[in-house]
């Protein structure tokens, strides 16, 4: 709280936090896709 308002009500604070959350979610999805692709290649080649 600052000046009686929640901290996230200030655009200067909330926009960078929202952008960081978006980048984190994008990174997580990239990892999921990379793992899925690696697993798919592994299965197609018959495993060990």
Protein backbone atom coordinates (compact mmCIF):
# COMPACT_ATOMS: atom_id res chain seq x y z
CA UNK A 1 0.00 0.00 0.00
CA UNK A 2 1.17 3.47 -0.83
CA UNK A 3 -0.87 6.58 -0.18
CA UNK A 4 -3.88 4.38 0.62
CA UNK A 5 -3.81 2.62 -2.76
CA UNK A 6 -2.61 -0.90 -3.61
CA UNK A 7 0.89 -0.91 -5.08
CA UNK A 8 -0.27 -2.61 -8.30
CA UNK A 9 -2.71 0.21 -9.02
CA UNK A 10 0.25 2.31 -10.19
CA UNK A 11 1.03 1.78 -13.89
CA UNK A 12 4.76 2.29 -13.35
CA UNK A 13 4.77 -0.80 -11.14
CA UNK A 14 2.07 -2.97 -12.67
CA UNK A 15 3.25 -2.85 -16.31
CA UNK A 16 6.78 -4.18 -15.62
CA UNK A 17 5.32 -6.90 -13.39
CA UNK A 18 2.82 -7.88 -16.09
CA UNK A 19 5.58 -7.96 -18.72
CA UNK A 20 7.77 -10.13 -16.49
CA UNK A 21 4.86 -12.53 -15.91
CA UNK A 22 4.24 -12.70 -19.66
CA UNK A 23 7.91 -13.44 -20.39
CA UNK A 24 7.97 -16.12 -17.70
CA UNK A 25 4.91 -17.82 -19.19
CA UNK A 26 6.43 -17.63 -22.69
CA UNK A 27 9.65 -19.22 -21.40
CA UNK A 28 7.68 -21.99 -19.70
CA UNK A 29 5.78 -22.73 -22.91
CA UNK A 30 9.05 -22.84 -24.89
CA UNK A 31 10.45 -25.40 -22.45
CA UNK A 32 7.28 -27.51 -22.74
CA UNK A 33 7.45 -27.42 -26.53
CA UNK A 34 11.17 -28.28 -26.58
CA UNK A 35 10.56 -31.23 -24.24
CA UNK A 36 7.62 -32.41 -26.36
CA UNK A 37 9.72 -32.19 -29.54
CA UNK A 38 12.64 -34.05 -27.94
CA UNK A 39 10.30 -36.78 -26.71
CA UNK A 40 8.68 -37.07 -30.12
CA UNK A 41 12.04 -37.47 -31.87
CA UNK A 42 13.11 -40.02 -29.25
CA UNK A 43 9.96 -42.11 -29.78
CA UNK A 44 10.14 -41.89 -33.59
CA UNK A 45 13.72 -43.17 -33.54
CA UNK A 46 12.81 -46.13 -31.37
CA UNK A 47 14.32 -45.08 -28.05
CA UNK A 48 17.46 -46.74 -26.65
